[in-house]
Amino acid sequence: MHTRSKKKLFWVGFVTMMAWAVTATAQDKPADNMQLTEGEVKEFWPVYDQYQDELFLVRARTLKLINDFRDAYEKKMVDDVAGQLA
């Protein structure tokens, strides 16, 4: 297998793994056995849901950055692109 093919295979696998991790973790919720009172439940879950939404956006931006880096790397990274990604 050529070096270029190995690199491409690595990036495809890495990006696939990251995409899976982003979607899998975004769907997680803490266990319902925290024994919260009704008042605590009303306060906790909206804050937690907002946190999950914001965390999903961070992970989506990270995945986009990884994909942008991969695309630029395959086309030979130039200083301008490297600066934008940094």
N, C-alpha and C. Protein backbone atom coordinates (compact mmCIF):
# COMPACT_ATOMS: atom_id res chain seq x y z
N MET A 1 0.85 -1.18 0.00
CA MET A 1 0.00 0.00 0.00
C MET A 1 0.90 1.24 0.00
N HIS A 2 0.59 2.21 -0.84
CA HIS A 2 1.37 3.43 -0.94
C HIS A 2 1.19 4.28 0.30
N THR A 3 2.18 5.13 0.57
CA THR A 3 2.11 6.01 1.74
C THR A 3 0.90 6.92 1.67
N ARG A 4 0.60 7.44 0.50
CA ARG A 4 -0.55 8.34 0.34
C ARG A 4 -1.86 7.60 0.65
N SER A 5 -1.96 6.35 0.22
CA SER A 5 -3.15 5.55 0.50
C SER A 5 -3.28 5.28 1.99
N LYS A 6 -2.16 5.03 2.67
CA LYS A 6 -2.19 4.80 4.11
C LYS A 6 -2.67 6.05 4.84
N LYS A 7 -2.18 7.21 4.42
CA LYS A 7 -2.59 8.47 5.05
C LYS A 7 -4.08 8.70 4.86
N LYS A 8 -4.54 8.46 3.64
CA LYS A 8 -5.95 8.67 3.35
C LYS A 8 -6.82 7.72 4.17
N LEU A 9 -6.42 6.47 4.26
CA LEU A 9 -7.14 5.48 5.06
C LEU A 9 -7.16 5.88 6.53
N PHE A 10 -6.02 6.37 7.03
CA PHE A 10 -5.96 6.84 8.41
C PHE A 10 -6.97 7.96 8.65
N TRP A 11 -6.98 8.96 7.76
CA TRP A 11 -7.88 10.11 7.96
C TRP A 11 -9.34 9.72 7.84
N VAL A 12 -9.66 8.85 6.93
CA VAL A 12 -11.05 8.40 6.80
C VAL A 12 -11.48 7.70 8.09
N GLY A 13 -10.64 6.84 8.61
CA GLY A 13 -10.94 6.14 9.85
C GLY A 13 -11.05 7.09 11.03
N PHE A 14 -10.12 8.04 11.10
CA PHE A 14 -10.12 8.99 12.20
C PHE A 14 -11.36 9.87 12.18
N VAL A 15 -11.70 10.39 11.02
CA VAL A 15 -12.88 11.27 10.91
C VAL A 15 -14.15 10.47 11.19
N THR A 16 -14.23 9.25 10.73
CA THR A 16 -15.39 8.41 11.01
C THR A 16 -15.53 8.18 12.50
N MET A 17 -14.42 7.89 13.17
CA MET A 17 -14.44 7.68 14.60
C MET A 17 -14.89 8.94 15.34
N MET A 18 -14.39 10.09 14.92
CA MET A 18 -14.77 11.36 15.56
C MET A 18 -16.25 11.65 15.34
N ALA A 19 -16.74 11.41 14.16
CA ALA A 19 -18.16 11.65 13.87
C ALA A 19 -19.03 10.75 14.74
N TRP A 20 -18.62 9.51 14.90
CA TRP A 20 -19.37 8.59 15.75
C TRP A 20 -19.35 9.06 17.19
N ALA A 21 -18.19 9.50 17.65
CA ALA A 21 -18.06 9.96 19.04
C ALA A 21 -18.92 11.19 19.30
N VAL A 22 -18.97 12.09 18.33
CA VAL A 22 -19.77 13.31 18.49
C VAL A 22 -21.25 12.96 18.61
N THR A 23 -21.75 12.12 17.75
CA THR A 23 -23.18 11.80 17.80
C THR A 23 -23.51 10.91 18.98
N ALA A 24 -22.63 9.98 19.32
CA ALA A 24 -22.92 9.07 20.44
C ALA A 24 -22.96 9.81 21.76
N THR A 25 -22.01 10.70 21.99
CA THR A 25 -21.98 11.39 23.28
C THR A 25 -23.04 12.46 23.37
N ALA A 26 -23.41 13.04 22.27
CA ALA A 26 -24.43 14.08 22.32
C ALA A 26 -25.78 13.52 22.74
N GLN A 27 -25.98 12.23 22.58
CA GLN A 27 -27.26 11.63 22.92
C GLN A 27 -27.30 11.12 24.36
N ASP A 28 -26.16 11.10 25.03
CA ASP A 28 -26.12 10.60 26.40
C ASP A 28 -26.82 11.54 27.36
N LYS A 29 -27.49 10.97 28.34
CA LYS A 29 -28.08 11.72 29.44
C LYS A 29 -27.63 11.06 30.73
N PRO A 30 -27.45 11.85 31.78
CA PRO A 30 -27.06 11.22 33.03
C PRO A 30 -28.16 10.30 33.54
N ALA A 31 -27.78 9.38 34.39
CA ALA A 31 -28.76 8.44 34.93
C ALA A 31 -29.84 9.19 35.70
N ASP A 32 -31.04 8.65 35.64
CA ASP A 32 -32.16 9.27 36.34
C ASP A 32 -32.19 8.92 37.82
N ASN A 33 -31.14 8.29 38.33
CA ASN A 33 -31.14 7.88 39.73
C ASN A 33 -30.45 8.90 40.63
N MET A 34 -30.46 10.16 40.24
CA MET A 34 -29.81 11.19 41.05
C MET A 34 -30.67 11.58 42.25
N GLN A 35 -31.87 11.08 42.32
CA GLN A 35 -32.79 11.33 43.42
C GLN A 35 -33.00 12.83 43.65
N LEU A 36 -33.33 13.52 42.58
CA LEU A 36 -33.61 14.95 42.67
C LEU A 36 -35.05 15.17 43.10
N THR A 37 -35.26 16.25 43.80
CA THR A 37 -36.63 16.62 44.14
C THR A 37 -37.30 17.16 42.89
N GLU A 38 -38.60 17.32 42.93
CA GLU A 38 -39.32 17.84 41.77
C GLU A 38 -38.83 19.24 41.40
N GLY A 39 -38.58 20.06 42.40
CA GLY A 39 -38.05 21.41 42.14
C GLY A 39 -36.67 21.39 41.52
N GLU A 40 -35.82 20.47 42.01
CA GLU A 40 -34.47 20.34 41.45
C GLU A 40 -34.52 19.84 40.02
N VAL A 41 -35.44 18.92 39.74
CA VAL A 41 -35.60 18.41 38.37
C VAL A 41 -35.96 19.53 37.43
N LYS A 42 -36.87 20.39 37.83
CA LYS A 42 -37.32 21.51 36.97
C LYS A 42 -36.17 22.48 36.70
N GLU A 43 -35.26 22.62 37.64
CA GLU A 43 -34.12 23.53 37.44
C GLU A 43 -32.97 22.84 36.70
N PHE A 44 -32.75 21.57 37.02
CA PHE A 44 -31.58 20.87 36.48
C PHE A 44 -31.68 20.56 34.99
N TRP A 45 -32.78 19.95 34.57
CA TRP A 45 -32.85 19.45 33.19
C TRP A 45 -32.77 20.54 32.13
N PRO A 46 -33.39 21.69 32.30
CA PRO A 46 -33.20 22.73 31.27
C PRO A 46 -31.74 23.18 31.17
N VAL A 47 -31.06 23.31 32.30
CA VAL A 47 -29.65 23.71 32.28
C VAL A 47 -28.80 22.61 31.63
N TYR A 48 -29.08 21.37 32.00
CA TYR A 48 -28.34 20.25 31.42
C TYR A 48 -28.58 20.15 29.92
N ASP A 49 -29.82 20.32 29.48
CA ASP A 49 -30.12 20.25 28.05
C ASP A 49 -29.40 21.36 27.28
N GLN A 50 -29.35 22.56 27.86
CA GLN A 50 -28.63 23.67 27.22
C GLN A 50 -27.14 23.34 27.13
N TYR A 51 -26.61 22.77 28.19
CA TYR A 51 -25.20 22.35 28.20
C TYR A 51 -24.95 21.34 27.08
N GLN A 52 -25.81 20.35 26.93
CA GLN A 52 -25.64 19.34 25.89
C GLN A 52 -25.71 19.97 24.50
N ASP A 53 -26.62 20.92 24.30
CA ASP A 53 -26.73 21.60 23.00
C ASP A 53 -25.43 22.35 22.68
N GLU A 54 -24.90 23.05 23.67
CA GLU A 54 -23.66 23.81 23.46
C GLU A 54 -22.48 22.87 23.25
N LEU A 55 -22.45 21.77 23.97
CA LEU A 55 -21.39 20.78 23.81
C LEU A 55 -21.43 20.17 22.41
N PHE A 56 -22.63 19.91 21.91
CA PHE A 56 -22.78 19.39 20.55
C PHE A 56 -22.18 20.37 19.53
N LEU A 57 -22.44 21.67 19.72
CA LEU A 57 -21.90 22.66 18.79
C LEU A 57 -20.37 22.70 18.83
N VAL A 58 -19.80 22.58 20.02
CA VAL A 58 -18.34 22.54 20.14
C VAL A 58 -17.78 21.32 19.41
N ARG A 59 -18.42 20.19 19.60
CA ARG A 59 -17.95 18.97 18.93
C ARG A 59 -18.13 19.05 17.42
N ALA A 60 -19.20 19.67 16.97
CA ALA A 60 -19.42 19.83 15.53
C ALA A 60 -18.35 20.73 14.93
N ARG A 61 -18.00 21.81 15.64
CA ARG A 61 -16.93 22.70 15.15
C ARG A 61 -15.60 21.97 15.13
N THR A 62 -15.35 21.14 16.13
CA THR A 62 -14.11 20.37 16.18
C THR A 62 -14.04 19.41 15.00
N LEU A 63 -15.13 18.74 14.72
CA LEU A 63 -15.17 17.82 13.59
C LEU A 63 -14.94 18.56 12.28
N LYS A 64 -15.53 19.74 12.12
CA LYS A 64 -15.32 20.54 10.92
C LYS A 64 -13.85 20.92 10.78
N LEU A 65 -13.24 21.32 11.88
CA LEU A 65 -11.83 21.68 11.85
C LEU A 65 -10.97 20.48 11.44
N ILE A 66 -11.28 19.32 11.96
CA ILE A 66 -10.54 18.11 11.59
C ILE A 66 -10.70 17.82 10.10
N ASN A 67 -11.91 17.94 9.60
CA ASN A 67 -12.14 17.71 8.17
C ASN A 67 -11.42 18.74 7.32
N ASP A 68 -11.45 20.01 7.74
CA ASP A 68 -10.75 21.06 7.00
C ASP A 68 -9.25 20.80 6.98
N PHE A 69 -8.71 20.37 8.13
CA PHE A 69 -7.29 20.05 8.20
C PHE A 69 -6.96 18.89 7.27
N ARG A 70 -7.78 17.85 7.30
CA ARG A 70 -7.55 16.69 6.43
C ARG A 70 -7.54 17.12 4.97
N ASP A 71 -8.54 17.92 4.57
CA ASP A 71 -8.62 18.35 3.17
C ASP A 71 -7.41 19.18 2.77
N ALA A 72 -6.99 20.09 3.67
CA ALA A 72 -5.84 20.93 3.36
C ALA A 72 -4.55 20.11 3.34
N TYR A 73 -4.45 19.13 4.22
CA TYR A 73 -3.26 18.29 4.29
C TYR A 73 -3.11 17.48 3.01
N GLU A 74 -4.21 16.96 2.50
CA GLU A 74 -4.14 16.16 1.28
C GLU A 74 -3.75 16.99 0.07
N LYS A 75 -4.03 18.29 0.10
CA LYS A 75 -3.70 19.17 -1.02
C LYS A 75 -2.37 19.89 -0.80
N LYS A 76 -1.60 19.45 0.15
CA LYS A 76 -0.35 20.08 0.57
C LYS A 76 -0.67 21.39 1.29
N MET A 77 -0.49 21.36 2.56
CA MET A 77 -0.78 22.49 3.42
C MET A 77 0.07 23.69 3.02
N VAL A 78 -0.55 24.84 2.86
CA VAL A 78 0.16 26.07 2.57
C VAL A 78 0.03 26.98 3.80
N ASP A 79 0.92 27.96 3.91
CA ASP A 79 0.95 28.81 5.10
C ASP A 79 -0.37 29.51 5.37
N ASP A 80 -1.05 30.00 4.33
CA ASP A 80 -2.31 30.72 4.53
C ASP A 80 -3.36 29.81 5.16
N VAL A 81 -3.49 28.60 4.65
CA VAL A 81 -4.48 27.65 5.17
C VAL A 81 -4.10 27.24 6.59
N ALA A 82 -2.84 26.98 6.82
CA ALA A 82 -2.39 26.61 8.17
C ALA A 82 -2.72 27.71 9.16
N GLY A 83 -2.53 28.96 8.77
CA GLY A 83 -2.86 30.08 9.65
C GLY A 83 -4.35 30.16 9.95
N GLN A 84 -5.17 29.93 8.95
CA GLN A 84 -6.62 29.95 9.15
C GLN A 84 -7.07 28.82 10.09
N LEU A 85 -6.48 27.66 9.92
CA LEU A 85 -6.88 26.52 10.76
C LEU A 85 -6.40 26.71 12.20
N ALA A 86 -5.26 27.36 12.36
CA ALA A 86 -4.74 27.58 13.71
C ALA A 86 -5.63 28.56 14.42
